[in-house]
N, C-alpha and C. Protein backbone atom coordinates (compact mmCIF):
# COMPACT_ATOMS: atom_id res chain seq x y z
N MET A 1 16.27 -21.20 -3.61
CA MET A 1 16.63 -19.71 -3.53
C MET A 1 15.35 -18.93 -4.15
N ARG A 2 14.74 -19.28 -5.09
CA ARG A 2 13.51 -18.68 -5.56
C ARG A 2 12.38 -18.66 -4.68
N GLY A 3 12.25 -19.76 -3.97
CA GLY A 3 11.21 -19.86 -2.88
C GLY A 3 11.35 -18.74 -1.71
N ARG A 4 12.70 -18.79 -1.44
CA ARG A 4 13.17 -17.64 -0.43
C ARG A 4 12.99 -16.31 -0.64
N GLY A 5 13.26 -16.17 -2.02
CA GLY A 5 13.02 -14.75 -2.67
C GLY A 5 11.65 -14.42 -2.49
N TRP A 6 10.72 -15.37 -2.99
CA TRP A 6 9.20 -15.04 -2.81
C TRP A 6 8.69 -14.83 -1.50
N LEU A 7 9.17 -15.51 -0.48
CA LEU A 7 8.96 -15.26 1.02
C LEU A 7 9.37 -13.90 1.44
N GLN A 8 10.54 -13.60 1.07
CA GLN A 8 11.00 -12.24 1.40
C GLN A 8 10.30 -11.11 0.63
N ALA A 9 9.76 -11.40 -0.56
CA ALA A 9 9.14 -10.19 -1.26
C ALA A 9 7.53 -10.16 -0.55
N VAL A 10 7.02 -11.22 -0.11
CA VAL A 10 5.75 -11.26 0.61
C VAL A 10 5.98 -10.51 1.86
N GLY A 11 7.16 -10.85 2.50
CA GLY A 11 7.50 -10.15 3.80
C GLY A 11 7.53 -8.59 3.72
N VAL A 12 8.16 -8.26 2.59
CA VAL A 12 8.21 -6.69 2.48
C VAL A 12 6.85 -6.11 2.20
N LEU A 13 5.97 -6.71 1.51
CA LEU A 13 4.71 -6.28 1.13
C LEU A 13 3.90 -6.22 2.41
N ALA A 14 3.92 -7.31 3.27
CA ALA A 14 3.26 -7.37 4.56
C ALA A 14 3.70 -6.30 5.51
N GLY A 15 5.11 -6.01 5.48
CA GLY A 15 5.68 -5.08 6.30
C GLY A 15 5.08 -3.71 5.97
N THR A 16 5.00 -3.57 4.65
CA THR A 16 4.67 -2.26 4.07
C THR A 16 3.23 -1.85 4.47
N VAL A 17 2.39 -2.88 4.48
CA VAL A 17 0.95 -2.68 4.85
C VAL A 17 0.92 -2.53 6.35
N LEU A 18 1.73 -3.17 7.11
CA LEU A 18 1.73 -3.09 8.69
C LEU A 18 2.15 -1.56 8.99
N VAL A 19 3.19 -1.14 8.39
CA VAL A 19 3.61 0.28 8.66
C VAL A 19 2.43 1.19 8.41
N HIS A 20 1.72 0.98 7.20
CA HIS A 20 0.67 1.89 6.93
C HIS A 20 -0.52 1.91 7.62
N GLU A 21 -0.95 0.69 8.22
CA GLU A 21 -2.25 0.59 8.97
C GLU A 21 -1.87 0.88 10.39
N LEU A 22 -0.70 0.61 10.91
CA LEU A 22 -0.39 0.92 12.32
C LEU A 22 -0.28 2.43 12.40
N ALA A 23 0.21 3.16 11.46
CA ALA A 23 0.22 4.61 11.43
C ALA A 23 -1.19 5.13 11.56
N HIS A 24 -2.27 4.47 10.81
CA HIS A 24 -3.53 5.09 10.83
C HIS A 24 -4.15 4.83 12.21
N ALA A 25 -3.84 3.66 12.79
CA ALA A 25 -4.36 3.44 14.16
C ALA A 25 -3.69 4.20 15.16
N VAL A 26 -2.46 4.49 15.09
CA VAL A 26 -1.89 5.31 16.21
C VAL A 26 -2.47 6.77 16.01
N ALA A 27 -2.56 7.36 14.87
CA ALA A 27 -3.20 8.79 14.67
C ALA A 27 -4.52 8.83 15.13
N ALA A 28 -5.21 7.63 14.79
CA ALA A 28 -6.76 7.87 15.14
C ALA A 28 -6.89 7.76 16.70
N ARG A 29 -6.16 6.96 17.32
CA ARG A 29 -6.11 6.93 18.83
C ARG A 29 -5.85 8.41 19.51
N ARG A 30 -4.88 8.99 18.88
CA ARG A 30 -4.40 10.24 19.35
C ARG A 30 -5.32 11.49 19.10
N VAL A 31 -6.39 11.17 18.18
CA VAL A 31 -7.33 12.29 17.98
C VAL A 31 -8.63 11.79 18.62
N GLY A 32 -8.73 10.71 19.21
CA GLY A 32 -10.07 10.24 20.01
C GLY A 32 -10.87 9.44 19.22
N GLY A 33 -10.22 8.86 18.10
CA GLY A 33 -11.03 7.83 17.32
C GLY A 33 -10.97 6.41 17.86
N GLU A 34 -12.07 5.66 17.63
CA GLU A 34 -12.11 4.36 18.04
C GLU A 34 -11.57 3.33 17.03
N VAL A 35 -10.48 2.61 17.45
CA VAL A 35 -9.72 1.67 16.60
C VAL A 35 -10.35 0.22 17.05
N ARG A 36 -11.15 -0.38 16.21
CA ARG A 36 -11.75 -1.71 16.67
C ARG A 36 -10.73 -2.79 16.42
N GLU A 37 -9.99 -2.80 15.26
CA GLU A 37 -9.10 -3.86 14.96
C GLU A 37 -7.88 -3.55 14.07
N LEU A 38 -6.79 -4.07 14.20
CA LEU A 38 -5.70 -3.99 13.39
C LEU A 38 -5.30 -5.19 12.79
N SER A 39 -5.59 -5.29 11.46
CA SER A 39 -5.42 -6.68 10.81
C SER A 39 -4.15 -6.74 9.76
N LEU A 40 -3.33 -7.68 9.89
CA LEU A 40 -2.30 -8.08 8.82
C LEU A 40 -2.97 -9.12 8.07
N GLY A 41 -3.19 -8.81 6.77
CA GLY A 41 -3.76 -9.90 5.88
C GLY A 41 -5.31 -10.03 5.86
N PHE A 42 -5.86 -10.62 4.83
CA PHE A 42 -7.26 -10.73 4.55
C PHE A 42 -7.67 -12.29 4.71
N GLY A 43 -8.88 -12.52 4.98
CA GLY A 43 -9.53 -13.59 5.21
C GLY A 43 -9.86 -14.02 6.67
N PRO A 44 -10.20 -15.27 6.89
CA PRO A 44 -10.66 -15.42 8.21
C PRO A 44 -9.61 -15.44 9.14
N PRO A 45 -9.74 -14.89 10.43
CA PRO A 45 -8.67 -14.77 11.36
C PRO A 45 -8.06 -15.99 11.74
N LEU A 46 -6.60 -16.02 11.71
CA LEU A 46 -5.92 -17.11 12.19
C LEU A 46 -5.46 -17.03 13.73
N ALA A 47 -5.25 -15.64 14.16
CA ALA A 47 -4.67 -15.57 15.48
C ALA A 47 -5.35 -14.14 15.84
N ARG A 48 -5.63 -13.92 17.14
CA ARG A 48 -6.22 -12.79 17.58
C ARG A 48 -5.72 -12.49 18.99
N ARG A 49 -5.32 -11.21 19.19
CA ARG A 49 -4.78 -10.77 20.53
C ARG A 49 -5.22 -9.57 20.95
N ARG A 50 -5.59 -9.30 22.12
CA ARG A 50 -6.06 -7.92 22.47
C ARG A 50 -4.79 -7.12 22.88
N VAL A 51 -4.42 -5.92 22.20
CA VAL A 51 -3.36 -5.19 22.72
C VAL A 51 -3.86 -3.71 22.81
N ALA A 52 -3.54 -3.15 24.10
CA ALA A 52 -3.93 -1.77 24.40
C ALA A 52 -5.44 -1.56 24.03
N GLY A 53 -6.26 -2.51 24.21
CA GLY A 53 -7.77 -2.13 23.81
C GLY A 53 -7.99 -2.53 22.30
N VAL A 54 -7.20 -2.81 21.58
CA VAL A 54 -7.40 -3.10 20.07
C VAL A 54 -7.19 -4.50 19.77
N ASP A 55 -8.10 -5.15 18.99
CA ASP A 55 -7.87 -6.50 18.55
C ASP A 55 -6.90 -6.46 17.35
N VAL A 56 -5.78 -7.27 17.61
CA VAL A 56 -4.71 -7.45 16.58
C VAL A 56 -4.87 -8.94 15.99
N THR A 57 -5.20 -8.89 14.69
CA THR A 57 -5.52 -10.22 13.96
C THR A 57 -4.50 -10.56 12.88
N LEU A 58 -4.32 -11.81 12.77
CA LEU A 58 -3.36 -12.12 11.72
C LEU A 58 -4.33 -13.19 10.69
N ARG A 59 -4.28 -12.77 9.46
CA ARG A 59 -5.16 -13.60 8.52
C ARG A 59 -4.26 -14.19 7.48
N PRO A 60 -4.95 -15.19 6.73
CA PRO A 60 -3.94 -16.00 5.92
C PRO A 60 -3.44 -15.43 4.75
N PHE A 61 -4.03 -14.34 4.18
CA PHE A 61 -3.54 -13.75 2.76
C PHE A 61 -2.64 -12.41 3.11
N PRO A 62 -1.47 -12.47 3.33
CA PRO A 62 -0.73 -11.37 3.88
C PRO A 62 -0.63 -10.14 2.92
N LEU A 63 -0.98 -10.18 1.70
CA LEU A 63 -0.76 -9.15 0.73
C LEU A 63 -1.95 -8.07 0.92
N GLY A 64 -2.00 -7.43 1.97
CA GLY A 64 -2.82 -6.36 2.51
C GLY A 64 -3.21 -6.40 4.01
N GLY A 65 -4.18 -5.69 4.41
CA GLY A 65 -4.56 -5.47 5.80
C GLY A 65 -5.32 -4.25 5.88
N PHE A 66 -5.76 -4.06 7.12
CA PHE A 66 -6.67 -2.96 7.47
C PHE A 66 -6.51 -2.46 8.76
N ALA A 67 -6.85 -1.28 9.15
CA ALA A 67 -7.28 -0.73 10.42
C ALA A 67 -8.64 -0.35 10.59
N ALA A 68 -9.42 -1.09 11.44
CA ALA A 68 -10.92 -0.77 11.41
C ALA A 68 -10.95 0.48 12.34
N VAL A 69 -11.18 1.57 11.68
CA VAL A 69 -11.27 2.78 12.38
C VAL A 69 -12.64 3.43 12.08
N ASP A 70 -13.38 3.77 13.08
CA ASP A 70 -14.70 4.54 12.76
C ASP A 70 -14.44 6.06 12.36
N ILE A 71 -13.80 6.25 11.19
CA ILE A 71 -13.34 7.42 10.64
C ILE A 71 -14.45 8.46 10.41
N GLU A 72 -15.48 7.86 10.05
CA GLU A 72 -16.76 8.76 9.62
C GLU A 72 -17.31 9.53 10.76
N ARG A 73 -17.11 8.95 12.05
CA ARG A 73 -17.65 9.47 13.35
C ARG A 73 -16.72 10.63 13.70
N LEU A 74 -15.70 10.91 13.32
CA LEU A 74 -14.86 12.06 13.68
C LEU A 74 -15.22 13.32 12.79
N PRO A 75 -14.99 14.44 13.25
CA PRO A 75 -15.28 15.59 12.54
C PRO A 75 -14.23 15.72 11.33
N PRO A 76 -14.58 16.25 10.25
CA PRO A 76 -13.60 16.34 9.14
C PRO A 76 -12.31 16.82 9.47
N ALA A 77 -12.02 17.77 10.20
CA ALA A 77 -10.71 18.35 10.53
C ALA A 77 -9.86 17.28 11.24
N ARG A 78 -10.56 16.43 12.07
CA ARG A 78 -9.84 15.41 12.85
C ARG A 78 -9.53 14.26 12.12
N ARG A 79 -10.22 13.99 10.88
CA ARG A 79 -9.89 12.85 9.95
C ARG A 79 -8.58 13.14 9.27
N ILE A 80 -8.28 14.32 8.99
CA ILE A 80 -7.22 14.63 8.13
C ILE A 80 -5.91 14.02 8.39
N PRO A 81 -5.48 14.27 9.89
CA PRO A 81 -4.23 13.78 10.41
C PRO A 81 -4.24 12.14 10.21
N VAL A 82 -5.43 11.53 10.61
CA VAL A 82 -5.53 10.13 10.57
C VAL A 82 -5.28 9.56 9.22
N LEU A 83 -6.01 10.23 8.25
CA LEU A 83 -5.82 9.86 6.74
C LEU A 83 -4.43 10.07 6.14
N LEU A 84 -3.75 11.04 6.65
CA LEU A 84 -2.50 11.29 6.12
C LEU A 84 -1.31 10.40 6.70
N ALA A 85 -1.60 9.86 8.00
CA ALA A 85 -0.66 9.24 8.77
C ALA A 85 0.03 7.86 7.94
N GLY A 86 -0.94 7.20 7.35
CA GLY A 86 -0.55 5.96 6.53
C GLY A 86 0.41 6.24 5.51
N PRO A 87 0.08 7.16 4.58
CA PRO A 87 0.95 7.48 3.43
C PRO A 87 2.20 8.11 3.77
N LEU A 88 2.22 9.00 4.78
CA LEU A 88 3.42 9.64 5.24
C LEU A 88 4.37 8.71 6.04
N ALA A 89 3.76 7.78 6.60
CA ALA A 89 4.64 6.54 7.31
C ALA A 89 5.17 5.79 6.20
N ASN A 90 4.68 5.51 5.13
CA ASN A 90 5.36 4.72 4.10
C ASN A 90 6.40 5.52 3.34
N VAL A 91 6.10 6.81 3.08
CA VAL A 91 7.09 7.66 2.47
C VAL A 91 8.26 7.71 3.30
N THR A 92 8.15 7.94 4.73
CA THR A 92 9.18 7.94 5.67
C THR A 92 10.07 6.71 5.69
N ALA A 93 9.29 5.54 5.70
CA ALA A 93 10.00 4.36 5.72
C ALA A 93 10.70 3.99 4.33
N GLY A 94 10.18 4.45 3.18
CA GLY A 94 10.78 4.34 1.98
C GLY A 94 12.19 5.23 1.87
N LEU A 95 12.09 6.33 2.38
CA LEU A 95 13.25 7.21 2.34
C LEU A 95 14.28 6.64 3.30
N VAL A 96 14.02 6.16 4.38
CA VAL A 96 15.04 5.45 5.40
C VAL A 96 15.58 4.06 4.69
N LEU A 97 14.73 3.18 3.97
CA LEU A 97 15.10 1.96 3.48
C LEU A 97 16.20 2.27 2.35
N ARG A 98 15.76 3.42 1.42
CA ARG A 98 16.67 3.78 0.26
C ARG A 98 18.00 4.37 0.88
N ALA A 99 18.02 4.99 2.04
CA ALA A 99 19.20 5.56 2.59
C ALA A 99 20.14 4.22 3.10
N LEU A 100 19.57 3.35 3.67
CA LEU A 100 20.20 2.12 4.17
C LEU A 100 20.74 1.32 3.06
N ALA A 101 20.11 1.44 1.90
CA ALA A 101 20.52 0.59 0.70
C ALA A 101 21.81 1.25 0.09
N GLY A 102 22.19 2.48 0.43
CA GLY A 102 23.43 3.10 0.01
C GLY A 102 23.25 3.26 -1.53
N ARG A 103 24.19 2.89 -2.26
CA ARG A 103 24.25 2.99 -3.67
C ARG A 103 23.79 1.70 -4.46
N ALA A 104 23.07 1.05 -3.93
CA ALA A 104 22.47 -0.09 -4.55
C ALA A 104 21.46 0.43 -5.78
N ALA A 105 21.69 -0.10 -6.96
CA ALA A 105 21.01 0.20 -8.03
C ALA A 105 19.57 -0.24 -8.09
N PRO A 106 18.63 0.50 -8.58
CA PRO A 106 17.23 0.13 -8.51
C PRO A 106 16.82 -1.10 -9.23
N THR A 107 15.95 -1.91 -8.78
CA THR A 107 15.68 -3.14 -9.68
C THR A 107 14.33 -2.63 -10.34
N VAL A 108 14.48 -3.01 -11.73
CA VAL A 108 13.44 -2.58 -12.57
C VAL A 108 12.29 -3.71 -12.59
N LEU A 109 11.04 -3.02 -12.96
CA LEU A 109 9.98 -4.02 -13.13
C LEU A 109 10.15 -4.97 -14.27
N PRO A 110 9.53 -6.18 -14.18
CA PRO A 110 9.69 -7.14 -15.36
C PRO A 110 9.37 -6.41 -16.53
N GLY A 111 10.00 -6.55 -17.71
CA GLY A 111 9.74 -5.95 -18.97
C GLY A 111 9.67 -4.40 -19.03
N GLN A 112 10.25 -3.80 -17.99
CA GLN A 112 10.25 -2.35 -17.95
C GLN A 112 11.36 -1.82 -19.11
N THR A 113 10.83 -0.86 -19.83
CA THR A 113 11.64 -0.17 -20.86
C THR A 113 11.82 1.45 -20.73
N ARG A 114 10.97 1.81 -19.88
CA ARG A 114 11.15 3.29 -19.59
C ARG A 114 11.75 3.56 -18.18
N PRO A 115 12.28 4.74 -18.02
CA PRO A 115 12.86 5.05 -16.70
C PRO A 115 12.01 4.89 -15.49
N VAL A 116 10.67 5.39 -15.74
CA VAL A 116 9.49 5.29 -14.72
C VAL A 116 8.27 4.67 -15.32
N GLU A 117 7.90 3.47 -14.66
CA GLU A 117 6.64 2.68 -15.16
C GLU A 117 5.88 2.50 -14.08
N MET A 118 4.72 2.33 -14.19
CA MET A 118 3.63 2.01 -13.15
C MET A 118 3.34 0.51 -12.99
N GLY A 119 3.23 -0.08 -11.91
CA GLY A 119 2.98 -1.38 -11.70
C GLY A 119 2.21 -1.66 -10.49
N GLY A 120 1.48 -2.84 -10.49
CA GLY A 120 0.68 -3.22 -9.35
C GLY A 120 1.22 -4.13 -8.48
N MET A 121 0.41 -4.97 -7.62
CA MET A 121 0.84 -5.92 -6.86
C MET A 121 1.74 -7.04 -7.40
N LEU A 122 1.41 -7.51 -8.60
CA LEU A 122 1.98 -8.45 -9.10
C LEU A 122 3.45 -8.10 -9.62
N ALA A 123 3.43 -7.07 -10.18
CA ALA A 123 4.69 -6.34 -10.54
C ALA A 123 5.64 -6.12 -9.36
N ALA A 124 4.99 -5.56 -8.32
CA ALA A 124 5.87 -5.44 -7.13
C ALA A 124 6.48 -6.71 -6.52
N LEU A 125 5.62 -7.79 -6.47
CA LEU A 125 6.23 -9.07 -5.96
C LEU A 125 7.30 -9.59 -7.01
N ALA A 126 7.12 -9.47 -8.18
CA ALA A 126 8.16 -9.92 -9.22
C ALA A 126 9.59 -9.16 -8.87
N MET A 127 9.37 -7.96 -8.83
CA MET A 127 10.50 -6.90 -8.63
C MET A 127 11.21 -7.24 -7.28
N LEU A 128 10.40 -7.34 -6.26
CA LEU A 128 11.16 -7.76 -4.96
C LEU A 128 11.80 -9.25 -4.90
N THR A 129 11.14 -10.17 -5.62
CA THR A 129 11.66 -11.17 -5.80
C THR A 129 12.97 -11.31 -6.45
N ARG A 130 13.13 -10.51 -7.41
CA ARG A 130 14.27 -10.27 -8.29
C ARG A 130 15.51 -9.55 -7.37
N ALA A 131 15.00 -8.58 -6.80
CA ALA A 131 15.88 -7.90 -5.85
C ALA A 131 16.47 -8.63 -4.83
N SER A 132 15.75 -9.72 -4.23
CA SER A 132 16.15 -10.62 -3.10
C SER A 132 17.37 -11.32 -3.72
N ALA A 133 17.24 -11.77 -4.91
CA ALA A 133 18.29 -12.68 -5.50
C ALA A 133 19.53 -11.84 -5.71
N GLN A 134 19.47 -10.52 -5.76
CA GLN A 134 20.60 -9.58 -5.98
C GLN A 134 21.43 -9.13 -4.67
N GLY A 135 20.74 -9.48 -3.42
CA GLY A 135 21.36 -9.28 -2.37
C GLY A 135 20.63 -8.21 -1.43
N PRO A 136 21.00 -8.15 -0.11
CA PRO A 136 20.14 -7.50 0.97
C PRO A 136 20.00 -5.86 0.56
N ALA A 137 21.25 -5.32 -0.15
CA ALA A 137 21.11 -3.95 -0.45
C ALA A 137 20.17 -3.69 -1.59
N SER A 138 20.01 -4.70 -2.52
CA SER A 138 19.00 -4.40 -3.58
C SER A 138 17.71 -4.61 -3.06
N LEU A 139 17.52 -5.65 -2.07
CA LEU A 139 16.21 -5.72 -1.58
C LEU A 139 15.87 -4.65 -0.71
N ALA A 140 16.62 -3.99 -0.03
CA ALA A 140 16.44 -2.71 0.72
C ALA A 140 16.01 -1.60 0.01
N ARG A 141 16.64 -1.42 -1.21
CA ARG A 141 16.35 -0.33 -2.17
C ARG A 141 14.90 -0.56 -2.73
N ALA A 142 14.65 -1.96 -3.21
CA ALA A 142 13.46 -2.15 -3.84
C ALA A 142 12.25 -1.97 -2.71
N ALA A 143 12.51 -2.38 -1.41
CA ALA A 143 11.54 -2.20 -0.50
C ALA A 143 11.22 -0.75 -0.29
N GLY A 144 12.21 0.10 -0.39
CA GLY A 144 12.02 1.44 -0.13
C GLY A 144 11.30 2.09 -1.27
N ASP A 145 11.60 1.54 -2.64
CA ASP A 145 10.82 2.08 -3.69
C ASP A 145 9.39 1.74 -3.53
N VAL A 146 8.98 0.44 -3.10
CA VAL A 146 7.62 0.11 -2.84
C VAL A 146 6.95 0.95 -1.93
N ASN A 147 7.53 1.09 -0.76
CA ASN A 147 7.03 2.09 0.26
C ASN A 147 6.75 3.45 -0.30
N LEU A 148 7.68 3.93 -0.95
CA LEU A 148 7.55 5.26 -1.42
C LEU A 148 6.26 5.37 -2.60
N SER A 149 6.10 4.36 -3.26
CA SER A 149 5.12 4.13 -4.33
C SER A 149 3.81 4.07 -3.59
N VAL A 150 3.76 3.15 -2.59
CA VAL A 150 2.62 2.98 -1.83
C VAL A 150 2.04 4.19 -1.25
N GLY A 151 2.94 5.13 -0.46
CA GLY A 151 2.77 6.23 0.14
C GLY A 151 2.20 7.30 -0.86
N LEU A 152 2.77 7.49 -1.89
CA LEU A 152 2.51 8.37 -2.81
C LEU A 152 1.08 8.06 -3.71
N ALA A 153 0.97 6.86 -3.94
CA ALA A 153 -0.23 6.38 -4.71
C ALA A 153 -1.36 6.54 -3.73
N ASN A 154 -1.36 6.36 -2.49
CA ASN A 154 -2.49 6.52 -1.60
C ASN A 154 -2.84 7.95 -1.39
N LEU A 155 -2.09 8.90 -1.89
CA LEU A 155 -2.55 10.25 -1.87
C LEU A 155 -3.42 10.73 -3.00
N ILE A 156 -3.53 9.87 -4.01
CA ILE A 156 -4.35 10.11 -5.21
C ILE A 156 -5.79 10.43 -4.65
N PRO A 157 -6.52 11.41 -5.07
CA PRO A 157 -7.84 11.72 -4.50
C PRO A 157 -8.96 10.87 -5.20
N ALA A 158 -8.85 9.65 -4.78
CA ALA A 158 -9.91 8.67 -5.41
C ALA A 158 -10.31 7.60 -4.25
N VAL A 159 -11.57 7.51 -4.01
CA VAL A 159 -11.88 6.39 -3.01
C VAL A 159 -11.63 5.09 -3.66
N PRO A 160 -11.20 4.03 -2.96
CA PRO A 160 -11.02 3.96 -1.37
C PRO A 160 -9.60 4.30 -1.02
N LEU A 161 -8.84 5.01 -1.67
CA LEU A 161 -7.54 5.49 -1.34
C LEU A 161 -7.68 6.51 -0.21
N ASP A 162 -6.54 6.69 0.51
CA ASP A 162 -6.59 7.66 1.79
C ASP A 162 -6.93 8.99 1.24
N GLY A 163 -6.35 9.31 -0.10
CA GLY A 163 -6.36 10.65 -0.76
C GLY A 163 -7.92 10.95 -1.00
N GLY A 164 -8.53 9.88 -1.53
CA GLY A 164 -9.99 10.04 -1.80
C GLY A 164 -10.89 10.42 -0.52
N HIS A 165 -10.65 9.75 0.50
CA HIS A 165 -11.27 9.90 1.84
C HIS A 165 -10.86 11.38 2.44
N LEU A 166 -9.57 11.70 2.05
CA LEU A 166 -9.06 13.10 2.52
C LEU A 166 -9.65 14.13 1.70
N ALA A 167 -9.93 13.98 0.42
CA ALA A 167 -10.61 14.99 -0.50
C ALA A 167 -12.03 15.07 0.08
N ALA A 168 -12.78 13.96 0.37
CA ALA A 168 -14.15 13.88 0.81
C ALA A 168 -14.19 14.75 2.31
N ALA A 169 -13.20 14.59 3.16
CA ALA A 169 -13.20 15.25 4.45
C ALA A 169 -13.09 16.81 4.16
N GLN A 170 -12.25 17.11 3.23
CA GLN A 170 -12.15 18.48 2.90
C GLN A 170 -13.12 19.13 2.22
N LEU A 171 -14.00 18.46 1.40
CA LEU A 171 -15.32 18.87 0.87
C LEU A 171 -16.22 19.13 2.03
N GLU A 172 -16.39 18.22 3.00
CA GLU A 172 -17.28 18.47 4.06
C GLU A 172 -16.92 19.49 4.92
N ALA A 173 -15.53 19.73 5.26
CA ALA A 173 -15.09 20.90 6.03
C ALA A 173 -15.38 22.07 5.39
N ALA A 174 -15.51 22.20 3.96
CA ALA A 174 -15.65 23.43 3.30
C ALA A 174 -17.24 23.61 3.15
N GLY A 175 -17.94 22.84 3.82
CA GLY A 175 -19.46 22.93 3.79
C GLY A 175 -20.22 22.32 2.58
N ALA A 176 -19.60 21.25 1.96
CA ALA A 176 -20.44 20.66 0.79
C ALA A 176 -21.33 19.78 1.48
N GLY A 177 -22.44 19.78 0.56
CA GLY A 177 -23.67 18.83 1.03
C GLY A 177 -23.27 17.41 1.08
N ARG A 178 -24.07 16.56 1.73
CA ARG A 178 -23.91 15.03 1.79
C ARG A 178 -24.14 14.47 0.21
N GLY A 179 -24.97 15.13 -0.55
CA GLY A 179 -25.15 14.70 -1.84
C GLY A 179 -23.93 14.81 -2.68
N LEU A 180 -23.25 15.92 -2.74
CA LEU A 180 -22.01 16.21 -3.34
C LEU A 180 -21.01 15.39 -3.09
N VAL A 181 -20.80 15.12 -1.77
CA VAL A 181 -19.91 14.27 -1.23
C VAL A 181 -20.02 12.80 -1.77
N ALA A 182 -21.30 12.40 -1.76
CA ALA A 182 -21.64 11.04 -2.11
C ALA A 182 -21.27 10.92 -3.51
N VAL A 183 -21.51 11.95 -4.42
CA VAL A 183 -21.35 11.71 -5.83
C VAL A 183 -19.73 11.67 -6.10
N PHE A 184 -18.99 12.50 -5.25
CA PHE A 184 -17.61 12.54 -5.49
C PHE A 184 -17.04 11.05 -5.01
N ARG A 185 -17.47 10.44 -3.97
CA ARG A 185 -17.01 9.07 -3.72
C ARG A 185 -17.38 8.14 -4.73
N GLN A 186 -18.57 8.13 -5.34
CA GLN A 186 -19.03 7.26 -6.25
C GLN A 186 -18.36 7.24 -7.42
N VAL A 187 -18.13 8.42 -7.99
CA VAL A 187 -17.42 8.69 -9.23
C VAL A 187 -15.93 8.41 -9.22
N SER A 188 -15.28 8.86 -8.10
CA SER A 188 -13.85 8.42 -8.01
C SER A 188 -13.58 7.04 -7.71
N ALA A 189 -14.56 6.42 -7.07
CA ALA A 189 -14.52 4.88 -7.00
C ALA A 189 -14.54 4.22 -8.17
N ALA A 190 -15.42 4.62 -9.10
CA ALA A 190 -15.42 4.22 -10.34
C ALA A 190 -14.37 4.23 -11.08
N VAL A 191 -13.65 5.51 -11.08
CA VAL A 191 -12.49 5.68 -11.77
C VAL A 191 -11.32 4.94 -11.23
N PHE A 192 -11.20 4.67 -9.87
CA PHE A 192 -10.20 3.91 -9.20
C PHE A 192 -10.33 2.39 -9.78
N LEU A 193 -11.61 1.93 -9.72
CA LEU A 193 -11.63 0.32 -10.10
C LEU A 193 -11.24 0.28 -11.55
N SER A 194 -11.61 1.23 -12.42
CA SER A 194 -11.17 1.10 -13.89
C SER A 194 -9.64 1.15 -13.97
N PHE A 195 -9.11 2.08 -13.26
CA PHE A 195 -7.63 2.13 -13.18
C PHE A 195 -7.02 0.92 -12.56
N ALA A 196 -7.44 0.48 -11.63
CA ALA A 196 -6.87 -0.74 -10.94
C ALA A 196 -6.88 -1.93 -11.99
N LEU A 197 -7.96 -1.98 -12.53
CA LEU A 197 -8.21 -3.15 -13.63
C LEU A 197 -7.17 -2.89 -14.61
N TRP A 198 -6.95 -1.73 -15.07
CA TRP A 198 -5.98 -1.54 -16.09
C TRP A 198 -4.59 -1.82 -15.78
N VAL A 199 -4.16 -1.59 -14.50
CA VAL A 199 -2.90 -1.90 -13.93
C VAL A 199 -2.81 -3.44 -13.77
N LEU A 200 -3.83 -4.08 -13.32
CA LEU A 200 -3.70 -5.53 -13.24
C LEU A 200 -3.40 -6.20 -14.53
N LEU A 201 -4.18 -5.82 -15.53
CA LEU A 201 -4.15 -6.42 -16.98
C LEU A 201 -2.59 -5.99 -17.57
N ALA A 202 -2.12 -4.87 -17.09
CA ALA A 202 -0.81 -4.48 -17.60
C ALA A 202 0.24 -5.18 -16.99
N ASP A 203 0.06 -5.56 -15.57
CA ASP A 203 1.03 -6.35 -14.97
C ASP A 203 1.08 -7.79 -15.50
N VAL A 204 -0.12 -8.35 -15.74
CA VAL A 204 -0.15 -9.74 -16.39
C VAL A 204 0.57 -9.79 -17.75
N ALA A 205 0.34 -8.67 -18.52
CA ALA A 205 0.86 -8.62 -20.03
C ALA A 205 2.30 -8.44 -19.68
N ARG A 206 2.80 -7.63 -18.80
CA ARG A 206 4.30 -7.31 -18.64
C ARG A 206 4.97 -8.62 -18.20
N LEU A 207 4.38 -9.48 -17.27
CA LEU A 207 5.09 -10.70 -16.72
C LEU A 207 5.05 -11.77 -17.80
N ARG A 208 3.94 -11.81 -18.51
CA ARG A 208 3.99 -12.67 -19.64
C ARG A 208 4.99 -12.49 -20.60
N ALA A 209 5.18 -11.12 -21.13
CA ALA A 209 6.23 -10.76 -21.98
C ALA A 209 7.63 -11.00 -21.47
N ALA A 210 7.75 -10.84 -20.10
CA ALA A 210 9.06 -11.06 -19.49
C ALA A 210 9.53 -12.58 -19.56
N SER A 211 8.45 -13.47 -19.28
CA SER A 211 8.80 -14.92 -19.26
C SER A 211 9.07 -15.32 -20.67
N ARG A 212 8.57 -14.69 -21.67
CA ARG A 212 8.86 -15.32 -22.96
C ARG A 212 9.99 -14.67 -23.65
N ALA A 213 10.66 -13.70 -23.07
CA ALA A 213 11.88 -13.05 -23.68
C ALA A 213 12.97 -14.01 -23.74
N PRO A 214 13.71 -14.08 -24.91
CA PRO A 214 14.77 -15.10 -25.12
C PRO A 214 15.83 -14.96 -24.03
N GLY A 215 16.19 -16.11 -23.57
CA GLY A 215 17.30 -16.27 -22.58
C GLY A 215 17.01 -15.73 -21.17
N ARG A 216 15.72 -15.43 -20.85
CA ARG A 216 15.25 -14.92 -19.59
C ARG A 216 14.23 -15.79 -18.94
N ARG A 217 14.09 -16.05 -17.75
CA ARG A 217 13.37 -16.85 -17.04
C ARG A 217 12.29 -15.69 -16.15
N PRO A 218 11.08 -16.07 -15.86
CA PRO A 218 10.36 -15.35 -15.10
C PRO A 218 10.77 -15.04 -13.73
N ALA A 219 10.58 -13.92 -13.32
CA ALA A 219 11.00 -13.48 -11.91
C ALA A 219 10.28 -14.20 -10.80
């Protein structure tokens, strides 16, 4: 059962990424951008198929993905809908999934002690695995929460998040020079990397504490 729950958790995360990247690709095509590849997963390609002029690939590590879009070749104003498409698709999917879950209670993160806490990929996997064991409604609610979190987090104005690229596009549209935009990208990327490392370490500490709690097993 735990193996099945883990597979369902990975499937939810893969689906969340697919929704996000597919929305970027569709929006890019609509504004005249070139989409070279739509990939589910990272690593060397396992399968590749040409669909509507786009290479669709499957890669071995499903906890991520990307849409290879030549976004920088688009004028700043035409980048904005492309960059917003991914986060808004996740927010929409999250609201739909939460509605489908009905009155299912939210599944908390491992070791969660406050009503709202921040977690990363490891915490999301553990939460989804636990939700899977509680039934389809709980899994749908957790999947909705993950999609909402991914959508909103991607709007944070820090590269490489969509919000960071969106802020850079808005700076360019306002007439900022390339030097200022480059500084913004570098500084925000450094802040993001520091924050991402902090989230990862917090996830590891949270999971270790949860696994050592008396009478509890790791999710």
